[in-house]
Amino acid sequence: MRFARSSTEGDRSPRGIAAALFALMVLLGSPSGGQTAITFGHLEDASVAPAGLLRLRVTGVWSRYDSRFTPSGVQPLGAAFTSPTLGPAQVPALAMTQSLISAASASPFALSLGQSRLGATGREEVIPIGFEYGLTSRVTIGVTVPIVRTRVATAFSLDSTGATVGPNLHRTSDAARQVNSATQSEFAAAALQLQTRLADCPTNPAGAGCTELVDRQLEAEELLASSQDFAATLDALYGSSASEGQPFVPRADGDAQAGVAFRVADFNSRYRDILASGSDLITTVPAGAGGPPGVSQFQDYLHAELGRDSLIGEERVGFGDIGLTVKALVIDRPTSAARRLGIQ
């Protein structure tokens, strides 16, 4: 599309038109966040606009992709979240949860949210709008403003096969919060009772339980330290009245939860023995997950907990990198009867 300057517009100098084009580039602003540089060399030609002619050109470029290049070769776009055991290898933030579960159960633990698959396809549509103005018959300046629309279509699935953890009920259930708080209270009460006896026995050797405790002071101090560390681990993992715990915890029917229950019972037995107590002091086991996580729980974890983009498809529209061009016609030798080869 061409706009020619009429003879009545002689007051509009080439400098004024050039200044207007430059102002257009500035006013449109910087490229949208995350937009990479876009070049349109394959859309360019060598023609220059005649002097005083303003030329508008609109074109379109479409691209579609479902894979990307990596140092190890070509991979599907969804490879990062496709795994038979979705866990810390794909989401490094889950490594802390895995470490806490291993410490709480006193055994190696491999965290898995289940079998996952992410299918993703990206599409980019670019509409470069170009303005060119002929300063002279041989020099043309131009501004290219690309409008960019990017869209990612995704399909994420999460199979519970092999899942070793599930959503932490402490965050959604009052009953689970009460259970976890009770666990912390029982450990704190047992530790306080032992601390009190360790403090009183040196000044009152004839006190209740002091005769046996004198010869087992090192054992008592070790029990106190290890039980407090264990309770702190349970607090960080399952939560308490003062913390929310991790988003995922061992499944109630899994080996890790059984290991935690065994350690709770063991600490209870040791406290009963060293305090010569006739009743149990620690009986409450933290609440395990009722089942494996689903797609919605994992989506919420990524978005709300980690502040990442959702795995749901997204679409964005914005400006790409704005380009300023200058063309200079150096040689213009069209074909003729005497010259079969033309050069421009």
C-alpha atoms as a PDB file:
ATOM      1  CA  MET A   1       0.000   0.000   0.000  1.00  0.00           C
ATOM      2  CA  ARG A   2       1.479   3.358  -0.972  1.00  0.00           C
ATOM      3  CA  PHE A   3       0.732   6.892   0.190  1.00  0.00           C
ATOM      4  CA  ALA A   4       2.076   9.557  -2.165  1.00  0.00           C
ATOM      5  CA  ARG A   5       2.670  13.093  -1.017  1.00  0.00           C
ATOM      6  CA  SER A   6       0.667  15.616  -3.040  1.00  0.00           C
ATOM      7  CA  SER A   7       2.094  18.862  -4.368  1.00  0.00           C
ATOM      8  CA  THR A   8       0.089  20.833  -1.787  1.00  0.00           C
ATOM      9  CA  GLU A   9       2.065  19.190   1.010  1.00  0.00           C
ATOM     10  CA  GLY A  10       5.346  20.833   0.190  1.00  0.00           C
ATOM     11  CA  ASP A  11       5.631  22.135   3.746  1.00  0.00           C
ATOM     12  CA  ARG A  12       6.116  18.571   5.019  1.00  0.00           C
ATOM     13  CA  SER A  13       9.819  18.027   4.492  1.00  0.00           C
ATOM     14  CA  PRO A  14      11.530  14.616   4.305  1.00  0.00           C
ATOM     15  CA  ARG A  15      13.086  15.379   7.658  1.00  0.00           C
ATOM     16  CA  GLY A  16       9.642  15.759   9.197  1.00  0.00           C
ATOM     17  CA  ILE A  17       8.490  12.400   7.838  1.00  0.00           C
ATOM     18  CA  ALA A  18      11.698  10.743   9.098  1.00  0.00           C
ATOM     19  CA  ALA A  19      11.226  12.269  12.528  1.00  0.00           C
ATOM     20  CA  ALA A  20       7.629  10.987  12.626  1.00  0.00           C
ATOM     21  CA  LEU A  21       8.745   7.432  11.829  1.00  0.00           C
ATOM     22  CA  PHE A  22      11.399   7.541  14.540  1.00  0.00           C
ATOM     23  CA  ALA A  23       8.844   8.856  17.049  1.00  0.00           C
ATOM     24  CA  LEU A  24       6.518   5.980  16.117  1.00  0.00           C
ATOM     25  CA  MET A  25       9.235   3.484  16.966  1.00  0.00           C
ATOM     26  CA  VAL A  26       9.857   5.107  20.353  1.00  0.00           C
ATOM     27  CA  LEU A  27       6.197   5.489  21.307  1.00  0.00           C
ATOM     28  CA  LEU A  28       5.449   1.829  20.665  1.00  0.00           C
ATOM     29  CA  GLY A  29       7.803   1.045  23.505  1.00  0.00           C
ATOM     30  CA  SER A  30      10.212  -1.738  24.254  1.00  0.00           C
ATOM     31  CA  PRO A  31       9.548  -5.374  23.348  1.00  0.00           C
ATOM     32  CA  SER A  32       7.303  -7.389  25.632  1.00  0.00           C
ATOM     33  CA  GLY A  33       8.950  -9.307  28.480  1.00  0.00           C
ATOM     34  CA  GLY A  34      10.534 -12.570  27.456  1.00  0.00           C
ATOM     35  CA  GLN A  35      10.228 -11.831  23.717  1.00  0.00           C
ATOM     36  CA  THR A  36      13.365 -12.794  21.858  1.00  0.00           C
ATOM     37  CA  ALA A  37      14.754 -10.856  18.951  1.00  0.00           C
ATOM     38  CA  ILE A  38      12.884 -11.364  15.696  1.00  0.00           C
ATOM     39  CA  THR A  39      14.429 -10.829  12.307  1.00  0.00           C
ATOM     40  CA  PHE A  40      12.630 -10.645   9.012  1.00  0.00           C
ATOM     41  CA  GLY A  41      15.493 -10.821   6.553  1.00  0.00           C
ATOM     42  CA  HIS A  42      13.650 -13.373   4.459  1.00  0.00           C
ATOM     43  CA  LEU A  43      10.803 -10.879   4.029  1.00  0.00           C
ATOM     44  CA  GLU A  44      12.972  -7.993   2.889  1.00  0.00           C
ATOM     45  CA  ASP A  45      13.672  -6.885  -0.669  1.00  0.00           C
ATOM     46  CA  ALA A  46      16.144  -4.520  -2.224  1.00  0.00           C
ATOM     47  CA  SER A  47      13.673  -1.972  -3.500  1.00  0.00           C
ATOM     48  CA  VAL A  48      13.692   1.567  -2.215  1.00  0.00           C
ATOM     49  CA  ALA A  49      10.692   3.851  -2.071  1.00  0.00           C
ATOM     50  CA  PRO A  50      10.602   6.802  -4.443  1.00  0.00           C
ATOM     51  CA  ALA A  51      11.385  10.166  -2.888  1.00  0.00           C
ATOM     52  CA  GLY A  52       8.444  11.451  -0.842  1.00  0.00           C
ATOM     53  CA  LEU A  53       6.566   8.138  -0.869  1.00  0.00           C
ATOM     54  CA  LEU A  54       5.332   6.545   2.378  1.00  0.00           C
ATOM     55  CA  ARG A  55       4.901   2.807   1.975  1.00  0.00           C
ATOM     56  CA  LEU A  56       3.031   0.444   4.307  1.00  0.00           C
ATOM     57  CA  ARG A  57       3.539  -3.289   4.232  1.00  0.00           C
ATOM     58  CA  VAL A  58       1.835  -5.989   6.343  1.00  0.00           C
ATOM     59  CA  THR A  59       2.965  -9.617   6.167  1.00  0.00           C
ATOM     60  CA  GLY A  60       2.529 -12.729   8.266  1.00  0.00           C
ATOM     61  CA  VAL A  61       4.789 -15.471   9.602  1.00  0.00           C
ATOM     62  CA  TRP A  62       3.561 -18.635  11.322  1.00  0.00           C
ATOM     63  CA  SER A  63       5.618 -21.285  13.081  1.00  0.00           C
ATOM     64  CA  ARG A  64       4.654 -24.398  15.023  1.00  0.00           C
ATOM     65  CA  TYR A  65       6.909 -26.612  17.127  1.00  0.00           C
ATOM     66  CA  ASP A  66       6.632 -29.511  19.571  1.00  0.00           C
ATOM     67  CA  SER A  67      10.313 -30.194  20.299  1.00  0.00           C
ATOM     68  CA  ARG A  68      13.512 -28.351  21.113  1.00  0.00           C
ATOM     69  CA  PHE A  69      17.253 -28.808  20.740  1.00  0.00           C
ATOM     70  CA  THR A  70      19.244 -29.764  23.863  1.00  0.00           C
ATOM     71  CA  PRO A  71      22.897 -30.755  24.417  1.00  0.00           C
ATOM     72  CA  SER A  72      21.777 -34.383  24.363  1.00  0.00           C
ATOM     73  CA  GLY A  73      19.703 -34.065  21.203  1.00  0.00           C
ATOM     74  CA  VAL A  74      16.147 -33.172  20.206  1.00  0.00           C
ATOM     75  CA  GLN A  75      13.554 -33.536  22.969  1.00  0.00           C
ATOM     76  CA  PRO A  76       9.774 -33.015  23.060  1.00  0.00           C
ATOM     77  CA  LEU A  77       8.683 -29.766  24.700  1.00  0.00           C
ATOM     78  CA  GLY A  78       7.027 -31.690  27.502  1.00  0.00           C
ATOM     79  CA  ALA A  79      10.052 -33.873  28.291  1.00  0.00           C
ATOM     80  CA  ALA A  80      10.820 -31.939  31.490  1.00  0.00           C
ATOM     81  CA  PHE A  81       7.596 -33.199  33.081  1.00  0.00           C
ATOM     82  CA  THR A  82       7.402 -36.622  31.484  1.00  0.00           C
ATOM     83  CA  SER A  83       8.733 -39.382  33.721  1.00  0.00           C
ATOM     84  CA  PRO A  84       7.812 -42.825  35.106  1.00  0.00           C
ATOM     85  CA  THR A  85       8.633 -41.378  38.566  1.00  0.00           C
ATOM     86  CA  LEU A  86       7.903 -37.656  38.771  1.00  0.00           C
ATOM     87  CA  GLY A  87      10.051 -36.320  41.603  1.00  0.00           C
ATOM     88  CA  PRO A  88      13.124 -34.252  42.526  1.00  0.00           C
ATOM     89  CA  ALA A  89      14.843 -34.964  39.194  1.00  0.00           C
ATOM     90  CA  GLN A  90      12.078 -33.034  37.425  1.00  0.00           C
ATOM     91  CA  VAL A  91      11.173 -30.643  40.279  1.00  0.00           C
ATOM     92  CA  PRO A  92      14.302 -29.948  42.382  1.00  0.00           C
ATOM     93  CA  ALA A  93      12.235 -28.276  45.128  1.00  0.00           C
ATOM     94  CA  LEU A  94      10.886 -31.722  46.048  1.00  0.00           C
ATOM     95  CA  ALA A  95      14.379 -32.768  47.190  1.00  0.00           C
ATOM     96  CA  MET A  96      13.764 -31.194  50.611  1.00  0.00           C
ATOM     97  CA  THR A  97      10.583 -33.226  51.099  1.00  0.00           C
ATOM     98  CA  GLN A  98      12.392 -36.391  50.066  1.00  0.00           C
ATOM     99  CA  SER A  99      15.216 -35.664  52.536  1.00  0.00           C
ATOM    100  CA  LEU A 100      12.775 -35.022  55.395  1.00  0.00           C
ATOM    101  CA  ILE A 101      10.894 -38.268  54.731  1.00  0.00           C
ATOM    102  CA  SER A 102      14.143 -40.210  54.651  1.00  0.00           C
ATOM    103  CA  ALA A 103      15.206 -38.660  57.971  1.00  0.00           C
ATOM    104  CA  ALA A 104      11.813 -39.223  59.599  1.00  0.00           C
ATOM    105  CA  SER A 105      11.610 -42.888  58.562  1.00  0.00           C
ATOM    106  CA  ALA A 106      15.348 -43.511  59.122  1.00  0.00           C
ATOM    107  CA  SER A 107      15.604 -45.259  55.749  1.00  0.00           C
ATOM    108  CA  PRO A 108      16.352 -44.336  52.128  1.00  0.00           C
ATOM    109  CA  PHE A 109      13.331 -42.903  50.359  1.00  0.00           C
ATOM    110  CA  ALA A 110      12.601 -42.185  46.699  1.00  0.00           C
ATOM    111  CA  LEU A 111       9.891 -39.568  46.321  1.00  0.00           C
ATOM    112  CA  SER A 112       7.530 -40.121  43.402  1.00  0.00           C
ATOM    113  CA  LEU A 113       4.287 -38.371  42.530  1.00  0.00           C
ATOM    114  CA  GLY A 114       3.510 -41.102  40.010  1.00  0.00           C
ATOM    115  CA  GLN A 115       3.898 -41.539  36.263  1.00  0.00           C
ATOM    116  CA  SER A 116       3.600 -38.221  34.455  1.00  0.00           C
ATOM    117  CA  ARG A 117       3.320 -37.143  30.854  1.00  0.00           C
ATOM    118  CA  LEU A 118       3.214 -33.655  29.383  1.00  0.00           C
ATOM    119  CA  GLY A 119       2.303 -33.132  25.755  1.00  0.00           C
ATOM    120  CA  ALA A 120       3.028 -29.596  24.584  1.00  0.00           C
ATOM    121  CA  THR A 121       2.847 -27.785  21.271  1.00  0.00           C
ATOM    122  CA  GLY A 122       3.916 -24.200  20.703  1.00  0.00           C
ATOM    123  CA  ARG A 123       2.673 -21.858  18.005  1.00  0.00           C
ATOM    124  CA  GLU A 124       3.909 -18.395  17.146  1.00  0.00           C
ATOM    125  CA  GLU A 125       2.182 -15.968  14.822  1.00  0.00           C
ATOM    126  CA  VAL A 126       4.060 -12.817  13.847  1.00  0.00           C
ATOM    127  CA  ILE A 127       2.538  -9.964  11.854  1.00  0.00           C
ATOM    128  CA  PRO A 128       5.259  -7.428  11.011  1.00  0.00           C
ATOM    129  CA  ILE A 129       3.857  -4.021  10.135  1.00  0.00           C
ATOM    130  CA  GLY A 130       6.416  -2.001   8.178  1.00  0.00           C
ATOM    131  CA  PHE A 131       6.508   1.674   7.322  1.00  0.00           C
ATOM    132  CA  GLU A 132       9.034   2.930   4.761  1.00  0.00           C
ATOM    133  CA  TYR A 133       9.630   6.448   3.523  1.00  0.00           C
ATOM    134  CA  GLY A 134      11.771   7.590   0.627  1.00  0.00           C
ATOM    135  CA  LEU A 135      14.046  10.381   1.777  1.00  0.00           C
ATOM    136  CA  THR A 136      15.515  10.578  -1.713  1.00  0.00           C
ATOM    137  CA  SER A 137      15.297   8.428  -4.796  1.00  0.00           C
ATOM    138  CA  ARG A 138      18.188   6.369  -3.432  1.00  0.00           C
ATOM    139  CA  VAL A 139      17.736   6.412   0.384  1.00  0.00           C
ATOM    140  CA  THR A 140      14.771   4.901   2.257  1.00  0.00           C
ATOM    141  CA  ILE A 141      14.244   4.652   6.008  1.00  0.00           C
ATOM    142  CA  GLY A 142      11.786   2.301   7.666  1.00  0.00           C
ATOM    143  CA  VAL A 143      10.314   1.042  10.907  1.00  0.00           C
ATOM    144  CA  THR A 144       9.099  -2.542  11.431  1.00  0.00           C
ATOM    145  CA  VAL A 145       6.720  -3.238  14.324  1.00  0.00           C
ATOM    146  CA  PRO A 146       6.019  -6.973  14.772  1.00  0.00           C
ATOM    147  CA  ILE A 147       2.827  -7.985  16.586  1.00  0.00           C
ATOM    148  CA  VAL A 148       3.525 -11.359  18.185  1.00  0.00           C
ATOM    149  CA  ARG A 149       0.998 -13.901  19.379  1.00  0.00           C
ATOM    150  CA  THR A 150       2.378 -16.972  21.163  1.00  0.00           C
ATOM    151  CA  ARG A 151       0.294 -19.902  22.281  1.00  0.00           C
ATOM    152  CA  VAL A 152       1.190 -23.138  24.040  1.00  0.00           C
ATOM    153  CA  ALA A 153      -1.291 -25.990  24.092  1.00  0.00           C
ATOM    154  CA  THR A 154      -0.642 -28.642  26.759  1.00  0.00           C
ATOM    155  CA  ALA A 155      -2.066 -31.909  27.997  1.00  0.00           C
ATOM    156  CA  PHE A 156      -0.727 -33.059  31.371  1.00  0.00           C
ATOM    157  CA  SER A 157      -1.562 -36.423  32.935  1.00  0.00           C
ATOM    158  CA  LEU A 158      -0.479 -37.936  36.248  1.00  0.00           C
ATOM    159  CA  ASP A 159      -0.923 -41.648  36.889  1.00  0.00           C
ATOM    160  CA  SER A 160      -0.849 -42.777  40.532  1.00  0.00           C
ATOM    161  CA  THR A 161       1.185 -45.885  39.647  1.00  0.00           C
ATOM    162  CA  GLY A 162       4.302 -45.870  41.807  1.00  0.00           C
ATOM    163  CA  ALA A 163       3.352 -42.746  43.786  1.00  0.00           C
ATOM    164  CA  THR A 164       5.010 -42.811  47.225  1.00  0.00           C
ATOM    165  CA  VAL A 165       3.601 -39.510  48.533  1.00  0.00           C
ATOM    166  CA  GLY A 166       0.313 -37.632  48.512  1.00  0.00           C
ATOM    167  CA  PRO A 167      -1.132 -34.245  49.471  1.00  0.00           C
ATOM    168  CA  ASN A 168      -0.511 -33.245  53.081  1.00  0.00           C
ATOM    169  CA  LEU A 169      -3.860 -33.450  54.890  1.00  0.00           C
ATOM    170  CA  HIS A 170      -2.556 -30.978  57.477  1.00  0.00           C
ATOM    171  CA  ARG A 171      -3.320 -28.216  54.969  1.00  0.00           C
ATOM    172  CA  THR A 172      -6.920 -29.208  54.309  1.00  0.00           C
ATOM    173  CA  SER A 173      -8.197 -31.212  57.321  1.00  0.00           C
ATOM    174  CA  ASP A 174      -8.836 -30.000  60.873  1.00  0.00           C
ATOM    175  CA  ALA A 175      -8.609 -33.587  62.108  1.00  0.00           C
ATOM    176  CA  ALA A 176      -5.137 -34.008  60.584  1.00  0.00           C
ATOM    177  CA  ARG A 177      -3.981 -30.715  62.114  1.00  0.00           C
ATOM    178  CA  GLN A 178      -5.142 -31.897  65.537  1.00  0.00           C
ATOM    179  CA  VAL A 179      -3.289 -35.205  65.140  1.00  0.00           C
ATOM    180  CA  ASN A 180      -0.042 -33.531  64.099  1.00  0.00           C
ATOM    181  CA  SER A 181      -0.276 -30.971  66.888  1.00  0.00           C
ATOM    182  CA  ALA A 182      -0.897 -33.771  69.396  1.00  0.00           C
ATOM    183  CA  THR A 183       2.251 -35.561  68.215  1.00  0.00           C
ATOM    184  CA  GLN A 184       4.328 -32.452  68.882  1.00  0.00           C
ATOM    185  CA  SER A 185       2.697 -31.931  72.275  1.00  0.00           C
ATOM    186  CA  GLU A 186       3.432 -35.502  73.382  1.00  0.00           C
ATOM    187  CA  PHE A 187       7.083 -35.306  72.361  1.00  0.00           C
ATOM    188  CA  ALA A 188       7.439 -31.932  74.091  1.00  0.00           C
ATOM    189  CA  ALA A 189       5.821 -33.238  77.290  1.00  0.00           C
ATOM    190  CA  ALA A 190       8.035 -36.347  77.410  1.00  0.00           C
ATOM    191  CA  ALA A 191      11.160 -34.253  76.794  1.00  0.00           C
ATOM    192  CA  LEU A 192      10.158 -31.768  79.496  1.00  0.00           C
ATOM    193  CA  GLN A 193       9.609 -34.555  81.998  1.00  0.00           C
ATOM    194  CA  LEU A 194      13.048 -35.985  81.304  1.00  0.00           C
ATOM    195  CA  GLN A 195      14.702 -32.546  81.393  1.00  0.00           C
ATOM    196  CA  THR A 196      13.082 -31.823  84.750  1.00  0.00           C
ATOM    197  CA  ARG A 197      14.305 -35.080  86.210  1.00  0.00           C
ATOM    198  CA  LEU A 198      17.841 -34.536  84.901  1.00  0.00           C
ATOM    199  CA  ALA A 199      17.853 -31.117  86.544  1.00  0.00           C
ATOM    200  CA  ASP A 200      16.380 -32.261  89.892  1.00  0.00           C
ATOM    201  CA  CYS A 201      18.264 -35.521  90.487  1.00  0.00           C
ATOM    202  CA  PRO A 202      21.712 -34.009  91.186  1.00  0.00           C
ATOM    203  CA  THR A 203      20.244 -32.056  94.113  1.00  0.00           C
ATOM    204  CA  ASN A 204      17.770 -34.746  95.163  1.00  0.00           C
ATOM    205  CA  PRO A 205      19.387 -38.159  94.506  1.00  0.00           C
ATOM    206  CA  ALA A 206      16.651 -39.884  96.491  1.00  0.00           C
ATOM    207  CA  GLY A 207      13.912 -38.502  94.259  1.00  0.00           C
ATOM    208  CA  ALA A 208      11.630 -40.747  92.230  1.00  0.00           C
ATOM    209  CA  GLY A 209      13.539 -42.447  89.436  1.00  0.00           C
ATOM    210  CA  CYS A 210      16.829 -40.706  90.268  1.00  0.00           C
ATOM    211  CA  THR A 211      18.658 -43.831  91.418  1.00  0.00           C
ATOM    212  CA  GLU A 212      18.247 -45.440  88.013  1.00  0.00           C
ATOM    213  CA  LEU A 213      18.852 -42.220  86.094  1.00  0.00           C
ATOM    214  CA  VAL A 214      22.220 -41.425  87.688  1.00  0.00           C
ATOM    215  CA  ASP A 215      23.886 -44.332  85.911  1.00  0.00           C
ATOM    216  CA  ARG A 216      22.097 -43.593  82.633  1.00  0.00           C
ATOM    217  CA  GLN A 217      22.613 -39.862  82.341  1.00  0.00           C
ATOM    218  CA  LEU A 218      24.476 -40.031  79.014  1.00  0.00           C
ATOM    219  CA  GLU A 219      21.764 -42.280  77.615  1.00  0.00           C
ATOM    220  CA  ALA A 220      19.110 -39.857  78.850  1.00  0.00           C
ATOM    221  CA  GLU A 221      20.849 -36.878  77.236  1.00  0.00           C
ATOM    222  CA  GLU A 222      21.180 -38.756  73.946  1.00  0.00           C
ATOM    223  CA  LEU A 223      17.487 -39.706  74.043  1.00  0.00           C
ATOM    224  CA  LEU A 224      16.531 -36.124  74.742  1.00  0.00           C
ATOM    225  CA  ALA A 225      18.578 -34.766  71.838  1.00  0.00           C
ATOM    226  CA  SER A 226      17.507 -37.422  69.318  1.00  0.00           C
ATOM    227  CA  SER A 227      13.814 -37.160  70.209  1.00  0.00           C
ATOM    228  CA  GLN A 228      13.863 -33.390  69.849  1.00  0.00           C
ATOM    229  CA  ASP A 229      15.558 -33.687  66.446  1.00  0.00           C
ATOM    230  CA  PHE A 230      12.979 -36.267  65.395  1.00  0.00           C
ATOM    231  CA  ALA A 231      10.088 -34.069  66.550  1.00  0.00           C
ATOM    232  CA  ALA A 232      11.550 -31.108  64.634  1.00  0.00           C
ATOM    233  CA  THR A 233      11.747 -33.261  61.497  1.00  0.00           C
ATOM    234  CA  LEU A 234       8.116 -34.317  61.914  1.00  0.00           C
ATOM    235  CA  ASP A 235       7.145 -30.668  62.392  1.00  0.00           C
ATOM    236  CA  ALA A 236       8.889 -29.612  59.170  1.00  0.00           C
ATOM    237  CA  LEU A 237       7.414 -32.531  57.236  1.00  0.00           C
ATOM    238  CA  TYR A 238       3.845 -32.951  58.499  1.00  0.00           C
ATOM    239  CA  GLY A 239       3.241 -29.582  60.140  1.00  0.00           C
ATOM    240  CA  SER A 240       2.019 -28.525  63.581  1.00  0.00           C
ATOM    241  CA  SER A 241       0.047 -25.735  65.199  1.00  0.00           C
ATOM    242  CA  ALA A 242       2.848 -23.382  64.167  1.00  0.00           C
ATOM    243  CA  SER A 243       3.724 -24.645  60.661  1.00  0.00           C
ATOM    244  CA  GLU A 244       2.067 -25.917  57.500  1.00  0.00           C
ATOM    245  CA  GLY A 245       4.566 -28.672  56.753  1.00  0.00           C
ATOM    246  CA  GLN A 246       5.463 -29.868  53.264  1.00  0.00           C
ATOM    247  CA  PRO A 247       2.885 -29.972  50.462  1.00  0.00           C
ATOM    248  CA  PHE A 248       3.410 -33.739  50.106  1.00  0.00           C
ATOM    249  CA  VAL A 249       3.935 -36.399  52.798  1.00  0.00           C
ATOM    250  CA  PRO A 250       4.282 -40.211  52.814  1.00  0.00           C
ATOM    251  CA  ARG A 251       1.176 -42.152  51.896  1.00  0.00           C
ATOM    252  CA  ALA A 252      -0.595 -43.641  54.917  1.00  0.00           C
ATOM    253  CA  ASP A 253      -0.361 -47.116  53.374  1.00  0.00           C
ATOM    254  CA  GLY A 254       3.321 -46.823  52.416  1.00  0.00           C
ATOM    255  CA  ASP A 255       6.533 -48.183  53.913  1.00  0.00           C
ATOM    256  CA  ALA A 256       7.834 -44.730  54.828  1.00  0.00           C
ATOM    257  CA  GLN A 257       4.792 -43.962  56.980  1.00  0.00           C
ATOM    258  CA  ALA A 258       5.175 -47.362  58.642  1.00  0.00           C
ATOM    259  CA  GLY A 259       8.793 -46.444  59.373  1.00  0.00           C
ATOM    260  CA  VAL A 260       7.713 -43.167  60.990  1.00  0.00           C
ATOM    261  CA  ALA A 261       5.156 -45.005  63.132  1.00  0.00           C
ATOM    262  CA  PHE A 262       7.826 -47.492  64.208  1.00  0.00           C
ATOM    263  CA  ARG A 263      10.147 -44.694  65.320  1.00  0.00           C
ATOM    264  CA  VAL A 264       7.363 -42.983  67.272  1.00  0.00           C
ATOM    265  CA  ALA A 265       6.693 -46.266  69.101  1.00  0.00           C
ATOM    266  CA  ASP A 266      10.404 -46.744  69.720  1.00  0.00           C
ATOM    267  CA  PHE A 267      10.781 -43.294  71.305  1.00  0.00           C
ATOM    268  CA  ASN A 268       7.749 -43.981  73.454  1.00  0.00           C
ATOM    269  CA  SER A 269       9.291 -47.253  74.661  1.00  0.00           C
ATOM    270  CA  ARG A 270      12.619 -45.596  75.448  1.00  0.00           C
ATOM    271  CA  TYR A 271      10.989 -42.744  77.368  1.00  0.00           C
ATOM    272  CA  ARG A 272       8.871 -45.179  79.371  1.00  0.00           C
ATOM    273  CA  ASP A 273      11.964 -47.191  80.245  1.00  0.00           C
ATOM    274  CA  ILE A 274      14.227 -44.342  81.278  1.00  0.00           C
ATOM    275  CA  LEU A 275      11.480 -42.519  83.195  1.00  0.00           C
ATOM    276  CA  ALA A 276      10.153 -45.760  84.691  1.00  0.00           C
ATOM    277  CA  SER A 277       6.697 -44.727  83.578  1.00  0.00           C
ATOM    278  CA  GLY A 278       3.788 -47.104  83.884  1.00  0.00           C
ATOM    279  CA  SER A 279       1.917 -45.558  80.953  1.00  0.00           C
ATOM    280  CA  ASP A 280       2.668 -44.528  77.379  1.00  0.00           C
ATOM    281  CA  LEU A 281       3.882 -40.997  76.831  1.00  0.00           C
ATOM    282  CA  ILE A 282       3.908 -40.786  73.003  1.00  0.00           C
ATOM    283  CA  THR A 283       1.163 -42.588  71.104  1.00  0.00           C
ATOM    284  CA  THR A 284       0.098 -40.263  68.254  1.00  0.00           C
ATOM    285  CA  VAL A 285       1.558 -40.780  64.785  1.00  0.00           C
ATOM    286  CA  PRO A 286       1.421 -37.852  62.303  1.00  0.00           C
ATOM    287  CA  ALA A 287      -1.256 -38.096  59.627  1.00  0.00           C
ATOM    288  CA  GLY A 288      -0.080 -39.627  56.361  1.00  0.00           C
ATOM    289  CA  ALA A 289      -1.515 -38.823  52.939  1.00  0.00           C
ATOM    290  CA  GLY A 290      -4.818 -40.456  52.151  1.00  0.00           C
ATOM    291  CA  GLY A 291      -3.833 -41.204  48.561  1.00  0.00           C
ATOM    292  CA  PRO A 292      -1.661 -40.147  45.626  1.00  0.00           C
ATOM    293  CA  PRO A 293      -1.714 -36.598  44.244  1.00  0.00           C
ATOM    294  CA  GLY A 294      -3.786 -35.633  41.235  1.00  0.00           C
ATOM    295  CA  VAL A 295      -3.191 -33.204  38.400  1.00  0.00           C
ATOM    296  CA  SER A 296      -4.893 -30.338  40.263  1.00  0.00           C
ATOM    297  CA  GLN A 297      -2.715 -30.800  43.378  1.00  0.00           C
ATOM    298  CA  PHE A 298       0.459 -30.774  41.285  1.00  0.00           C
ATOM    299  CA  GLN A 299      -0.725 -27.724  39.338  1.00  0.00           C
ATOM    300  CA  ASP A 300      -1.457 -25.893  42.608  1.00  0.00           C
ATOM    301  CA  TYR A 301       1.961 -26.875  43.934  1.00  0.00           C
ATOM    302  CA  LEU A 302       3.763 -25.449  40.903  1.00  0.00           C
ATOM    303  CA  HIS A 303       1.726 -22.268  40.801  1.00  0.00           C
ATOM    304  CA  ALA A 304       1.020 -21.412  44.452  1.00  0.00           C
ATOM    305  CA  GLU A 305       3.979 -23.037  46.219  1.00  0.00           C
ATOM    306  CA  LEU A 306       6.803 -22.471  43.738  1.00  0.00           C
ATOM    307  CA  GLY A 307       5.456 -19.436  41.900  1.00  0.00           C
ATOM    308  CA  ARG A 308       5.928 -21.121  38.506  1.00  0.00           C
ATOM    309  CA  ASP A 309       3.765 -20.899  35.417  1.00  0.00           C
ATOM    310  CA  SER A 310       0.875 -23.295  35.238  1.00  0.00           C
ATOM    311  CA  LEU A 311       1.063 -26.346  32.985  1.00  0.00           C
ATOM    312  CA  ILE A 312      -2.251 -25.278  31.509  1.00  0.00           C
ATOM    313  CA  GLY A 313      -1.933 -23.845  27.992  1.00  0.00           C
ATOM    314  CA  GLU A 314      -1.363 -20.105  27.780  1.00  0.00           C
ATOM    315  CA  GLU A 315      -1.640 -17.392  25.149  1.00  0.00           C
ATOM    316  CA  ARG A 316       0.109 -14.039  25.022  1.00  0.00           C
ATOM    317  CA  VAL A 317      -0.038 -11.132  22.595  1.00  0.00           C
ATOM    318  CA  GLY A 318       2.489  -8.309  22.486  1.00  0.00           C
ATOM    319  CA  PHE A 319       5.070  -6.443  20.461  1.00  0.00           C
ATOM    320  CA  GLY A 320       8.293  -8.071  19.339  1.00  0.00           C
ATOM    321  CA  ASP A 321      11.598  -6.312  18.805  1.00  0.00           C
ATOM    322  CA  ILE A 322      11.049  -3.115  16.856  1.00  0.00           C
ATOM    323  CA  GLY A 323      13.477  -2.617  13.975  1.00  0.00           C
ATOM    324  CA  LEU A 324      14.768   0.556  12.302  1.00  0.00           C
ATOM    325  CA  THR A 325      16.138   0.084   8.790  1.00  0.00           C
ATOM    326  CA  VAL A 326      17.964   2.200   6.250  1.00  0.00           C
ATOM    327  CA  LYS A 327      18.214   1.253   2.571  1.00  0.00           C
ATOM    328  CA  ALA A 328      20.620   2.830   0.133  1.00  0.00           C
ATOM    329  CA  LEU A 329      20.380   2.179  -3.586  1.00  0.00           C
ATOM    330  CA  VAL A 330      23.981   1.900  -4.798  1.00  0.00           C
ATOM    331  CA  ILE A 331      23.575   0.252  -8.206  1.00  0.00           C
ATOM    332  CA  ASP A 332      20.471   0.323 -10.396  1.00  0.00           C
ATOM    333  CA  ARG A 333      21.100  -1.169 -13.835  1.00  0.00           C
ATOM    334  CA  PRO A 334      17.881  -2.597 -15.256  1.00  0.00           C
ATOM    335  CA  THR A 335      17.901  -4.990 -18.174  1.00  0.00           C
ATOM    336  CA  SER A 336      17.729  -3.612 -21.672  1.00  0.00           C
ATOM    337  CA  ALA A 337      18.039  -4.730 -25.254  1.00  0.00           C
ATOM    338  CA  ALA A 338      21.803  -4.404 -24.938  1.00  0.00           C
ATOM    339  CA  ARG A 339      22.063  -5.705 -21.357  1.00  0.00           C
ATOM    340  CA  ARG A 340      20.394  -8.999 -20.469  1.00  0.00           C
ATOM    341  CA  LEU A 341      21.651  -9.040 -16.851  1.00  0.00           C
ATOM    342  CA  GLY A 342      20.228  -6.403 -14.513  1.00  0.00           C
ATOM    343  CA  ILE A 343      21.690  -5.476 -11.129  1.00  0.00           C
ATOM    344  CA  GLN A 344      19.989  -3.643  -8.268  1.00  0.00           C
END
